N, C-alpha and C. Protein backbone atom coordinates (compact mmCIF):
# COMPACT_ATOMS: atom_id res chain seq x y z
N UNK A 1 22.35 145.44 58.01
CA UNK A 1 22.28 145.10 56.61
C UNK A 1 20.81 144.90 56.25
N UNK A 2 20.36 145.65 55.27
CA UNK A 2 18.95 145.55 54.91
C UNK A 2 18.78 144.54 53.79
N UNK A 3 17.77 143.83 53.94
CA UNK A 3 17.48 142.86 52.88
C UNK A 3 16.21 143.32 52.17
N UNK A 4 16.28 143.24 50.91
CA UNK A 4 15.10 143.60 50.12
C UNK A 4 14.53 142.33 49.52
N UNK A 5 13.26 142.26 49.56
CA UNK A 5 12.64 141.08 48.98
C UNK A 5 12.68 141.20 47.46
N UNK A 6 12.87 140.11 46.81
CA UNK A 6 12.93 140.16 45.34
C UNK A 6 11.57 140.58 44.76
N UNK A 7 11.64 141.39 43.74
CA UNK A 7 10.42 141.85 43.07
C UNK A 7 9.85 140.71 42.22
N UNK A 8 8.56 140.52 42.28
CA UNK A 8 7.98 139.46 41.45
C UNK A 8 8.10 139.82 39.98
N UNK A 9 8.37 138.85 39.19
CA UNK A 9 8.49 139.02 37.74
C UNK A 9 7.09 138.93 37.15
N UNK A 10 6.73 139.95 36.42
CA UNK A 10 5.41 139.94 35.81
C UNK A 10 5.56 139.68 34.31
N UNK A 11 4.66 138.92 33.82
CA UNK A 11 4.68 138.63 32.37
C UNK A 11 4.22 139.87 31.62
N UNK A 12 4.79 140.08 30.44
CA UNK A 12 4.34 141.25 29.67
C UNK A 12 2.87 141.10 29.28
N UNK A 13 2.21 142.23 29.23
CA UNK A 13 0.78 142.21 28.88
C UNK A 13 0.62 141.77 27.44
N UNK A 14 -0.42 141.01 27.17
CA UNK A 14 -0.65 140.60 25.77
C UNK A 14 -0.98 141.83 24.93
N UNK A 15 -0.65 141.78 23.65
CA UNK A 15 -0.96 142.94 22.80
C UNK A 15 -2.46 143.18 22.74
N UNK A 16 -2.80 144.44 22.59
CA UNK A 16 -4.22 144.80 22.51
C UNK A 16 -4.85 144.22 21.25
N UNK A 17 -6.10 143.85 21.36
CA UNK A 17 -6.82 143.33 20.21
C UNK A 17 -7.05 144.49 19.24
N UNK A 18 -6.63 144.33 17.99
CA UNK A 18 -6.83 145.45 17.06
C UNK A 18 -8.31 145.74 16.84
N UNK A 19 -8.62 147.00 16.72
CA UNK A 19 -10.00 147.40 16.48
C UNK A 19 -10.42 147.03 15.06
N UNK A 20 -11.67 146.69 14.94
CA UNK A 20 -12.21 146.45 13.61
C UNK A 20 -12.61 147.79 13.00
N UNK A 21 -12.40 147.98 11.71
CA UNK A 21 -12.81 149.25 11.09
C UNK A 21 -14.31 149.47 11.23
N UNK A 22 -14.69 150.68 11.51
CA UNK A 22 -16.10 151.04 11.67
C UNK A 22 -16.57 151.70 10.37
N UNK A 23 -17.02 150.87 9.44
CA UNK A 23 -17.42 151.37 8.12
C UNK A 23 -18.62 152.29 8.18
N UNK A 24 -19.57 152.01 9.06
CA UNK A 24 -20.76 152.85 9.15
C UNK A 24 -20.40 154.25 9.64
N UNK A 25 -19.52 154.34 10.64
CA UNK A 25 -19.09 155.65 11.14
C UNK A 25 -18.33 156.41 10.07
N UNK A 26 -17.52 155.69 9.28
CA UNK A 26 -16.79 156.34 8.18
C UNK A 26 -17.76 156.90 7.15
N UNK A 27 -18.80 156.15 6.83
CA UNK A 27 -19.82 156.63 5.89
C UNK A 27 -20.52 157.87 6.45
N UNK A 28 -20.86 157.85 7.73
CA UNK A 28 -21.50 159.01 8.33
C UNK A 28 -20.60 160.24 8.27
N UNK A 29 -19.29 160.05 8.51
CA UNK A 29 -18.37 161.19 8.46
C UNK A 29 -18.14 161.67 7.03
N UNK A 30 -18.33 160.79 6.05
CA UNK A 30 -18.29 161.26 4.67
C UNK A 30 -19.52 162.13 4.38
N UNK A 31 -20.68 161.65 4.80
CA UNK A 31 -21.91 162.40 4.52
C UNK A 31 -21.89 163.78 5.16
N UNK A 32 -21.55 163.83 6.45
CA UNK A 32 -21.47 165.10 7.19
C UNK A 32 -20.22 165.03 8.07
N UNK A 33 -19.26 165.91 7.90
CA UNK A 33 -18.04 165.85 8.70
C UNK A 33 -18.32 165.81 10.20
N UNK A 34 -17.73 164.83 10.88
CA UNK A 34 -17.89 164.72 12.32
C UNK A 34 -19.06 163.87 12.77
N UNK A 35 -19.96 163.52 11.86
CA UNK A 35 -21.14 162.74 12.25
C UNK A 35 -20.75 161.33 12.70
N UNK A 36 -19.73 160.74 12.09
CA UNK A 36 -19.27 159.42 12.52
C UNK A 36 -18.69 159.45 13.92
N UNK A 37 -17.98 160.52 14.26
CA UNK A 37 -17.43 160.64 15.60
C UNK A 37 -18.55 160.82 16.62
N UNK A 38 -19.59 161.57 16.27
CA UNK A 38 -20.75 161.71 17.16
C UNK A 38 -21.42 160.36 17.37
N UNK A 39 -21.54 159.58 16.32
CA UNK A 39 -22.13 158.24 16.41
C UNK A 39 -21.30 157.35 17.34
N UNK A 40 -19.98 157.52 17.33
CA UNK A 40 -19.10 156.73 18.19
C UNK A 40 -19.04 157.25 19.62
N UNK A 41 -19.71 158.35 19.91
CA UNK A 41 -19.72 158.90 21.25
C UNK A 41 -18.58 159.87 21.52
N UNK A 42 -17.84 160.25 20.50
CA UNK A 42 -16.75 161.21 20.66
C UNK A 42 -17.29 162.60 20.28
N UNK A 43 -18.10 163.14 21.16
CA UNK A 43 -18.86 164.35 20.88
C UNK A 43 -17.97 165.55 20.62
N UNK A 44 -16.98 165.78 21.47
CA UNK A 44 -16.11 166.95 21.30
C UNK A 44 -15.42 166.95 19.95
N UNK A 45 -14.89 165.80 19.57
CA UNK A 45 -14.21 165.69 18.29
C UNK A 45 -15.19 165.87 17.14
N UNK A 46 -16.36 165.28 17.26
CA UNK A 46 -17.36 165.40 16.20
C UNK A 46 -17.79 166.83 15.96
N UNK A 47 -18.06 167.55 17.05
CA UNK A 47 -18.46 168.96 16.93
C UNK A 47 -17.32 169.80 16.36
N UNK A 48 -16.10 169.54 16.82
CA UNK A 48 -14.94 170.27 16.30
C UNK A 48 -14.79 170.07 14.80
N UNK A 49 -14.88 168.82 14.34
CA UNK A 49 -14.77 168.54 12.92
C UNK A 49 -15.91 169.19 12.13
N UNK A 50 -17.13 169.08 12.65
CA UNK A 50 -18.28 169.65 11.96
C UNK A 50 -18.13 171.15 11.78
N UNK A 51 -17.84 171.85 12.87
CA UNK A 51 -17.75 173.31 12.82
C UNK A 51 -16.54 173.75 11.99
N UNK A 52 -15.38 173.12 12.23
CA UNK A 52 -14.17 173.53 11.53
C UNK A 52 -14.23 173.29 10.03
N UNK A 53 -14.63 172.10 9.63
CA UNK A 53 -14.60 171.76 8.21
C UNK A 53 -15.75 172.43 7.46
N UNK A 54 -16.96 172.41 8.02
CA UNK A 54 -18.05 173.10 7.34
C UNK A 54 -17.83 174.61 7.35
N UNK A 55 -17.23 175.14 8.41
CA UNK A 55 -16.92 176.57 8.42
C UNK A 55 -15.98 176.94 7.28
N UNK A 56 -14.93 176.14 7.08
CA UNK A 56 -13.99 176.38 5.99
C UNK A 56 -14.66 176.21 4.63
N UNK A 57 -15.47 175.17 4.50
CA UNK A 57 -16.12 174.89 3.22
C UNK A 57 -17.11 175.99 2.84
N UNK A 58 -17.99 176.34 3.77
CA UNK A 58 -19.02 177.31 3.41
C UNK A 58 -18.46 178.74 3.32
N UNK A 59 -17.38 179.02 4.03
CA UNK A 59 -16.72 180.31 3.81
C UNK A 59 -16.12 180.35 2.41
N UNK A 60 -15.55 179.25 1.97
CA UNK A 60 -15.06 179.17 0.59
C UNK A 60 -16.18 179.32 -0.42
N UNK A 61 -17.34 178.72 -0.13
CA UNK A 61 -18.50 178.90 -1.02
C UNK A 61 -18.94 180.37 -1.05
N UNK A 62 -18.93 181.01 0.11
CA UNK A 62 -19.30 182.43 0.17
C UNK A 62 -18.33 183.26 -0.67
N UNK A 63 -17.03 183.02 -0.52
CA UNK A 63 -16.05 183.77 -1.31
C UNK A 63 -16.23 183.54 -2.81
N UNK A 64 -16.70 182.35 -3.17
CA UNK A 64 -16.91 182.02 -4.58
C UNK A 64 -18.30 182.31 -5.07
N UNK A 65 -19.02 183.18 -4.38
CA UNK A 65 -20.36 183.59 -4.76
C UNK A 65 -21.29 182.38 -4.89
N UNK A 66 -21.08 181.38 -4.05
CA UNK A 66 -21.89 180.16 -4.00
C UNK A 66 -21.88 179.41 -5.32
N UNK A 67 -20.82 179.57 -6.13
CA UNK A 67 -20.78 178.96 -7.45
C UNK A 67 -19.49 178.21 -7.75
N UNK A 68 -18.67 177.95 -6.77
CA UNK A 68 -17.37 177.36 -7.09
C UNK A 68 -17.27 175.86 -6.81
N UNK A 69 -18.36 175.23 -6.42
CA UNK A 69 -18.38 173.77 -6.30
C UNK A 69 -19.28 173.26 -7.41
N UNK A 70 -18.67 172.83 -8.50
CA UNK A 70 -19.42 172.36 -9.65
C UNK A 70 -18.55 171.43 -10.47
N UNK A 71 -19.19 170.68 -11.33
CA UNK A 71 -18.52 169.82 -12.30
C UNK A 71 -19.16 170.11 -13.63
N UNK A 72 -18.41 170.74 -14.52
CA UNK A 72 -18.96 171.14 -15.81
C UNK A 72 -18.75 170.03 -16.84
N UNK A 73 -19.63 170.00 -17.82
CA UNK A 73 -19.49 169.06 -18.93
C UNK A 73 -18.67 169.73 -20.02
N UNK A 74 -17.37 169.53 -19.97
CA UNK A 74 -16.44 170.20 -20.89
C UNK A 74 -15.77 169.23 -21.85
N UNK A 75 -16.24 168.00 -21.90
CA UNK A 75 -15.57 166.97 -22.70
C UNK A 75 -15.59 167.30 -24.19
N UNK A 76 -16.65 167.95 -24.67
CA UNK A 76 -16.74 168.26 -26.10
C UNK A 76 -15.75 169.36 -26.48
N UNK A 77 -15.68 170.43 -25.66
CA UNK A 77 -14.79 171.55 -25.99
C UNK A 77 -13.33 171.24 -25.71
N UNK A 78 -13.06 170.47 -24.66
CA UNK A 78 -11.69 170.19 -24.25
C UNK A 78 -11.48 168.69 -24.05
N UNK A 79 -11.42 167.93 -25.12
CA UNK A 79 -11.23 166.49 -24.94
C UNK A 79 -9.84 166.19 -24.39
N UNK A 80 -9.76 165.21 -23.50
CA UNK A 80 -8.48 164.81 -22.92
C UNK A 80 -8.17 163.39 -23.36
N UNK A 81 -7.27 163.26 -24.28
CA UNK A 81 -6.85 161.97 -24.80
C UNK A 81 -8.05 161.15 -25.21
N UNK A 82 -8.11 159.90 -24.85
CA UNK A 82 -9.23 159.03 -25.18
C UNK A 82 -10.01 158.62 -23.93
N UNK A 83 -10.06 159.52 -22.96
CA UNK A 83 -10.74 159.23 -21.70
C UNK A 83 -12.25 159.22 -21.90
N UNK A 84 -12.97 158.46 -21.07
CA UNK A 84 -14.44 158.56 -21.12
C UNK A 84 -14.89 159.98 -20.74
N UNK A 85 -16.11 160.30 -21.09
CA UNK A 85 -16.62 161.66 -20.89
C UNK A 85 -16.49 162.11 -19.44
N UNK A 86 -16.91 161.28 -18.47
CA UNK A 86 -16.86 161.66 -17.05
C UNK A 86 -15.41 161.88 -16.61
N UNK A 87 -14.49 161.03 -17.08
CA UNK A 87 -13.09 161.18 -16.69
C UNK A 87 -12.48 162.44 -17.31
N UNK A 88 -12.88 162.77 -18.53
CA UNK A 88 -12.42 164.00 -19.16
C UNK A 88 -12.90 165.22 -18.38
N UNK A 89 -14.15 165.18 -17.93
CA UNK A 89 -14.68 166.31 -17.16
C UNK A 89 -13.96 166.45 -15.82
N UNK A 90 -13.63 165.34 -15.18
CA UNK A 90 -12.84 165.42 -13.94
C UNK A 90 -11.42 165.90 -14.22
N UNK A 91 -10.86 165.49 -15.33
CA UNK A 91 -9.52 165.94 -15.71
C UNK A 91 -9.51 167.46 -15.94
N UNK A 92 -10.57 167.96 -16.56
CA UNK A 92 -10.67 169.40 -16.83
C UNK A 92 -11.03 170.21 -15.59
N UNK A 93 -11.58 169.59 -14.58
CA UNK A 93 -11.93 170.28 -13.34
C UNK A 93 -11.49 169.44 -12.15
N UNK A 94 -10.18 169.34 -11.90
CA UNK A 94 -9.69 168.48 -10.81
C UNK A 94 -10.09 168.98 -9.43
N UNK A 95 -10.50 170.24 -9.32
CA UNK A 95 -10.94 170.79 -8.04
C UNK A 95 -12.05 169.93 -7.42
N UNK A 96 -12.95 169.44 -8.29
CA UNK A 96 -14.10 168.71 -7.77
C UNK A 96 -13.70 167.39 -7.12
N UNK A 97 -12.57 166.83 -7.51
CA UNK A 97 -12.10 165.59 -6.88
C UNK A 97 -11.88 165.83 -5.39
N UNK A 98 -11.33 166.99 -5.02
CA UNK A 98 -11.17 167.34 -3.61
C UNK A 98 -12.48 167.74 -2.96
N UNK A 99 -13.30 168.51 -3.68
CA UNK A 99 -14.56 168.98 -3.12
C UNK A 99 -15.55 167.84 -2.88
N UNK A 100 -15.47 166.79 -3.65
CA UNK A 100 -16.39 165.66 -3.54
C UNK A 100 -16.38 165.06 -2.14
N UNK A 101 -15.23 165.06 -1.47
CA UNK A 101 -15.09 164.40 -0.18
C UNK A 101 -15.75 165.15 0.97
N UNK A 102 -16.35 166.30 0.70
CA UNK A 102 -17.08 167.02 1.74
C UNK A 102 -18.44 166.36 1.98
N UNK A 103 -18.85 165.48 1.08
CA UNK A 103 -20.08 164.73 1.28
C UNK A 103 -21.31 165.38 0.68
N UNK A 104 -22.38 165.40 1.46
CA UNK A 104 -23.68 165.87 0.96
C UNK A 104 -23.61 167.27 0.39
N UNK A 105 -22.77 168.11 0.95
CA UNK A 105 -22.70 169.51 0.49
C UNK A 105 -22.23 169.61 -0.96
N UNK A 106 -21.58 168.58 -1.50
CA UNK A 106 -21.12 168.62 -2.89
C UNK A 106 -22.09 167.93 -3.84
N UNK A 107 -23.12 167.29 -3.33
CA UNK A 107 -24.04 166.54 -4.17
C UNK A 107 -24.85 167.39 -5.14
N UNK A 108 -25.23 168.64 -4.82
CA UNK A 108 -25.93 169.43 -5.84
C UNK A 108 -25.13 169.58 -7.13
N UNK A 109 -23.81 169.62 -7.03
CA UNK A 109 -22.99 169.71 -8.24
C UNK A 109 -23.15 168.47 -9.10
N UNK A 110 -23.23 167.30 -8.48
CA UNK A 110 -23.43 166.06 -9.24
C UNK A 110 -24.82 166.02 -9.86
N UNK A 111 -25.82 166.50 -9.13
CA UNK A 111 -27.17 166.52 -9.67
C UNK A 111 -27.23 167.40 -10.92
N UNK A 112 -26.64 168.58 -10.83
CA UNK A 112 -26.67 169.49 -11.99
C UNK A 112 -25.81 168.99 -13.13
N UNK A 113 -24.74 168.30 -12.83
CA UNK A 113 -23.92 167.71 -13.88
C UNK A 113 -24.73 166.71 -14.70
N UNK A 114 -25.59 165.96 -14.03
CA UNK A 114 -26.38 164.94 -14.71
C UNK A 114 -27.69 165.45 -15.30
N UNK A 115 -28.17 166.65 -14.89
CA UNK A 115 -29.49 167.10 -15.31
C UNK A 115 -29.51 168.40 -16.10
N UNK A 116 -28.47 169.20 -16.05
CA UNK A 116 -28.51 170.50 -16.71
C UNK A 116 -27.81 170.46 -18.06
N UNK A 117 -28.21 171.38 -18.93
CA UNK A 117 -27.59 171.51 -20.23
C UNK A 117 -26.20 172.11 -20.07
N UNK A 118 -25.24 171.59 -20.81
CA UNK A 118 -23.88 172.09 -20.70
C UNK A 118 -23.82 173.56 -21.11
N UNK A 119 -23.07 174.35 -20.35
CA UNK A 119 -22.84 175.78 -20.62
C UNK A 119 -24.11 176.60 -20.67
N UNK A 120 -25.15 176.14 -20.03
CA UNK A 120 -26.37 176.95 -19.91
C UNK A 120 -26.10 178.10 -18.96
N UNK A 121 -26.53 179.31 -19.32
CA UNK A 121 -26.35 180.46 -18.44
C UNK A 121 -27.25 180.31 -17.23
N UNK A 122 -26.67 180.22 -16.06
CA UNK A 122 -27.43 180.08 -14.83
C UNK A 122 -26.51 180.46 -13.69
N UNK A 123 -27.10 180.74 -12.55
CA UNK A 123 -26.29 181.03 -11.38
C UNK A 123 -26.49 182.43 -10.88
N UNK A 124 -25.77 182.80 -9.82
CA UNK A 124 -25.96 184.09 -9.18
C UNK A 124 -25.57 185.26 -10.05
N UNK A 125 -24.77 185.04 -11.07
CA UNK A 125 -24.36 186.16 -11.93
C UNK A 125 -25.52 186.66 -12.76
N UNK A 126 -26.44 185.78 -13.11
CA UNK A 126 -27.57 186.15 -13.96
C UNK A 126 -28.83 186.44 -13.16
N UNK A 127 -28.71 187.30 -12.16
CA UNK A 127 -29.84 187.82 -11.39
C UNK A 127 -30.64 186.76 -10.66
N UNK A 128 -30.05 185.66 -10.31
CA UNK A 128 -30.73 184.67 -9.46
C UNK A 128 -30.16 184.85 -8.08
N UNK A 129 -30.85 185.61 -7.26
CA UNK A 129 -30.31 185.98 -5.97
C UNK A 129 -30.91 185.21 -4.80
N UNK A 130 -31.90 184.36 -5.05
CA UNK A 130 -32.43 183.63 -3.91
C UNK A 130 -31.41 182.58 -3.45
N UNK A 131 -31.39 182.33 -2.16
CA UNK A 131 -30.35 181.53 -1.53
C UNK A 131 -30.30 180.10 -2.09
N UNK A 132 -31.46 179.48 -2.27
CA UNK A 132 -31.49 178.09 -2.75
C UNK A 132 -30.96 178.03 -4.17
N UNK A 133 -31.33 178.97 -5.00
CA UNK A 133 -30.87 178.96 -6.39
C UNK A 133 -29.35 179.04 -6.46
N UNK A 134 -28.74 179.75 -5.52
CA UNK A 134 -27.29 179.86 -5.53
C UNK A 134 -26.64 178.51 -5.25
N UNK A 135 -27.25 177.71 -4.38
CA UNK A 135 -26.70 176.39 -4.11
C UNK A 135 -26.94 175.45 -5.28
N UNK A 136 -28.02 175.66 -6.00
CA UNK A 136 -28.37 174.75 -7.08
C UNK A 136 -27.67 175.09 -8.39
N UNK A 137 -27.05 176.24 -8.48
CA UNK A 137 -26.56 176.70 -9.76
C UNK A 137 -25.10 176.32 -9.99
N UNK A 138 -24.82 175.98 -11.22
CA UNK A 138 -23.44 175.78 -11.66
C UNK A 138 -23.15 176.87 -12.68
N UNK A 139 -22.03 177.55 -12.58
CA UNK A 139 -21.77 178.67 -13.50
C UNK A 139 -21.46 178.17 -14.91
N UNK A 140 -21.90 178.97 -15.88
CA UNK A 140 -21.55 178.65 -17.26
C UNK A 140 -20.13 179.13 -17.53
N UNK A 141 -19.62 178.77 -18.68
CA UNK A 141 -18.26 179.19 -19.02
C UNK A 141 -18.15 180.70 -19.11
N UNK A 142 -19.17 181.36 -19.66
CA UNK A 142 -19.13 182.82 -19.75
C UNK A 142 -19.16 183.47 -18.36
N UNK A 143 -19.94 182.87 -17.43
CA UNK A 143 -19.96 183.39 -16.06
C UNK A 143 -18.61 183.23 -15.39
N UNK A 144 -17.99 182.08 -15.59
CA UNK A 144 -16.66 181.86 -14.99
C UNK A 144 -15.65 182.85 -15.53
N UNK A 145 -15.68 183.07 -16.84
CA UNK A 145 -14.76 184.03 -17.44
C UNK A 145 -15.00 185.44 -16.90
N UNK A 146 -16.26 185.80 -16.72
CA UNK A 146 -16.60 187.11 -16.18
C UNK A 146 -16.09 187.26 -14.74
N UNK A 147 -16.27 186.20 -13.93
CA UNK A 147 -15.80 186.26 -12.55
C UNK A 147 -14.27 186.38 -12.50
N UNK A 148 -13.60 185.65 -13.37
CA UNK A 148 -12.13 185.70 -13.38
C UNK A 148 -11.63 187.06 -13.86
N UNK A 149 -12.30 187.62 -14.83
CA UNK A 149 -11.84 188.87 -15.44
C UNK A 149 -12.17 190.09 -14.58
N UNK A 150 -13.38 190.12 -14.03
CA UNK A 150 -13.87 191.34 -13.40
C UNK A 150 -13.78 191.38 -11.88
N UNK A 151 -13.41 190.29 -11.25
CA UNK A 151 -13.40 190.30 -9.79
C UNK A 151 -11.98 190.17 -9.27
N UNK A 152 -11.87 190.31 -7.96
CA UNK A 152 -10.56 190.08 -7.35
C UNK A 152 -10.34 188.58 -7.21
N UNK A 153 -9.42 188.17 -6.40
CA UNK A 153 -9.08 186.75 -6.30
C UNK A 153 -9.89 186.00 -5.24
N UNK A 154 -10.98 186.60 -4.74
CA UNK A 154 -11.80 185.90 -3.75
C UNK A 154 -12.36 184.60 -4.31
N UNK A 155 -12.75 184.61 -5.58
CA UNK A 155 -13.35 183.41 -6.17
C UNK A 155 -12.33 182.27 -6.19
N UNK A 156 -11.11 182.58 -6.60
CA UNK A 156 -10.05 181.56 -6.61
C UNK A 156 -9.75 181.05 -5.21
N UNK A 157 -9.65 181.97 -4.27
CA UNK A 157 -9.38 181.58 -2.89
C UNK A 157 -10.51 180.73 -2.34
N UNK A 158 -11.73 181.03 -2.75
CA UNK A 158 -12.88 180.27 -2.29
C UNK A 158 -12.81 178.81 -2.71
N UNK A 159 -12.46 178.53 -3.97
CA UNK A 159 -12.41 177.12 -4.36
C UNK A 159 -11.24 176.42 -3.69
N UNK A 160 -10.17 177.14 -3.38
CA UNK A 160 -9.06 176.53 -2.65
C UNK A 160 -9.56 176.12 -1.25
N UNK A 161 -10.33 176.97 -0.58
CA UNK A 161 -10.87 176.63 0.73
C UNK A 161 -11.78 175.40 0.66
N UNK A 162 -12.61 175.32 -0.39
CA UNK A 162 -13.52 174.18 -0.50
C UNK A 162 -12.76 172.88 -0.76
N UNK A 163 -11.69 172.96 -1.54
CA UNK A 163 -10.88 171.76 -1.80
C UNK A 163 -10.15 171.33 -0.54
N UNK A 164 -9.60 172.27 0.22
CA UNK A 164 -8.92 171.93 1.46
C UNK A 164 -9.90 171.31 2.45
N UNK A 165 -11.12 171.84 2.52
CA UNK A 165 -12.12 171.27 3.42
C UNK A 165 -12.43 169.82 3.04
N UNK A 166 -12.55 169.55 1.74
CA UNK A 166 -12.79 168.18 1.30
C UNK A 166 -11.63 167.26 1.63
N UNK A 167 -10.40 167.75 1.44
CA UNK A 167 -9.22 166.94 1.76
C UNK A 167 -9.13 166.68 3.26
N UNK A 168 -9.44 167.67 4.07
CA UNK A 168 -9.42 167.46 5.52
C UNK A 168 -10.49 166.45 5.95
N UNK A 169 -11.61 166.43 5.23
CA UNK A 169 -12.64 165.48 5.60
C UNK A 169 -12.21 164.04 5.32
N UNK A 170 -11.28 163.83 4.40
CA UNK A 170 -10.73 162.49 4.19
C UNK A 170 -10.08 162.00 5.49
N UNK A 171 -9.36 162.90 6.18
CA UNK A 171 -8.75 162.53 7.47
C UNK A 171 -9.81 162.26 8.52
N UNK A 172 -10.89 163.01 8.50
CA UNK A 172 -11.99 162.80 9.45
C UNK A 172 -12.64 161.43 9.19
N UNK A 173 -12.81 161.09 7.91
CA UNK A 173 -13.37 159.80 7.55
C UNK A 173 -12.47 158.68 8.07
N UNK A 174 -11.17 158.84 7.89
CA UNK A 174 -10.24 157.82 8.38
C UNK A 174 -10.28 157.71 9.91
N UNK A 175 -10.39 158.85 10.58
CA UNK A 175 -10.48 158.83 12.04
C UNK A 175 -11.72 158.06 12.49
N UNK A 176 -12.83 158.25 11.80
CA UNK A 176 -14.04 157.51 12.15
C UNK A 176 -13.89 156.03 11.82
N UNK A 177 -13.21 155.72 10.73
CA UNK A 177 -13.01 154.32 10.33
C UNK A 177 -12.13 153.57 11.32
N UNK A 178 -11.00 154.16 11.69
CA UNK A 178 -10.02 153.48 12.54
C UNK A 178 -10.31 153.66 14.02
N UNK A 179 -11.08 154.66 14.39
CA UNK A 179 -11.39 154.89 15.79
C UNK A 179 -10.30 155.65 16.50
N UNK A 180 -10.48 155.89 17.79
CA UNK A 180 -9.51 156.69 18.53
C UNK A 180 -8.18 155.96 18.68
N UNK A 181 -7.12 156.73 18.74
CA UNK A 181 -5.79 156.16 18.94
C UNK A 181 -5.39 156.34 20.39
N UNK A 182 -4.95 155.27 21.03
CA UNK A 182 -4.49 155.31 22.41
C UNK A 182 -3.06 154.81 22.48
N UNK A 183 -2.28 155.39 23.37
CA UNK A 183 -0.92 154.92 23.60
C UNK A 183 -0.93 153.69 24.49
N UNK A 184 0.18 152.95 24.52
CA UNK A 184 0.23 151.77 25.39
C UNK A 184 0.09 152.16 26.85
N UNK A 185 -0.73 151.42 27.57
CA UNK A 185 -0.90 151.66 29.00
C UNK A 185 -1.86 152.77 29.34
N UNK A 186 -2.41 153.45 28.35
CA UNK A 186 -3.33 154.54 28.67
C UNK A 186 -4.67 153.96 29.09
N UNK A 187 -5.43 154.76 29.79
CA UNK A 187 -6.72 154.30 30.28
C UNK A 187 -7.65 153.93 29.13
N UNK A 188 -7.57 154.70 28.06
CA UNK A 188 -8.42 154.40 26.91
C UNK A 188 -8.09 153.06 26.29
N UNK A 189 -6.79 152.71 26.22
CA UNK A 189 -6.40 151.43 25.66
C UNK A 189 -6.90 150.29 26.53
N UNK A 190 -6.80 150.45 27.85
CA UNK A 190 -7.28 149.41 28.75
C UNK A 190 -8.78 149.25 28.63
N UNK A 191 -9.49 150.37 28.50
CA UNK A 191 -10.94 150.29 28.36
C UNK A 191 -11.32 149.60 27.06
N UNK A 192 -10.60 149.90 25.97
CA UNK A 192 -10.93 149.27 24.70
C UNK A 192 -10.58 147.79 24.72
N UNK A 193 -9.51 147.42 25.45
CA UNK A 193 -9.18 146.00 25.59
C UNK A 193 -10.27 145.26 26.35
N UNK A 194 -10.76 145.86 27.43
CA UNK A 194 -11.82 145.23 28.19
C UNK A 194 -13.08 145.08 27.36
N UNK A 195 -13.39 146.11 26.57
CA UNK A 195 -14.58 146.07 25.73
C UNK A 195 -14.44 145.00 24.66
N UNK A 196 -13.23 144.86 24.08
CA UNK A 196 -13.02 143.86 23.03
C UNK A 196 -13.04 142.45 23.60
N UNK A 197 -12.67 142.29 24.88
CA UNK A 197 -12.63 140.96 25.49
C UNK A 197 -14.03 140.44 25.79
N UNK A 198 -15.01 141.31 25.90
CA UNK A 198 -16.38 140.88 26.23
C UNK A 198 -17.04 140.15 25.12
């Protein structure tokens, strides 16, 4: 008859200390996708986010002739209820709400919104072919109408890509804010518990 020794009863492990949000890493990932993850030492993830999201965004810009990330001042021609001017312009161009989250790459649109004359003819359609001018230019209403009328659907597809890239970067920002996710008992969770206990 074999006797087995009783197994010792172990107390359940205390719950892991919740991570504090990393606001600085989230800000970095807003400015440049993946930069917050690089700051946190998650190099593979940071490079993946940087290449994937910027690749999607700039391919969308290329399809849109480098003119589809803009915020036009359309409040006078198309007023929306009794909204303030800036809210009316966002209402008339909701695409920019998604594009804004790509970070620094969308800032030239804000600069031109605040400094350029509304509906001024400018951009790659009017013989401005140098690379920097294409980034700095916002299309006028006549240019937009010409692109819609005379071109295929690449321009439309381009702004869809830029909006999707901005929306995906919201997830990247959250990943940087909340940090890596580990399952119970994983090595990463134990390491983070040890780090939090110090």
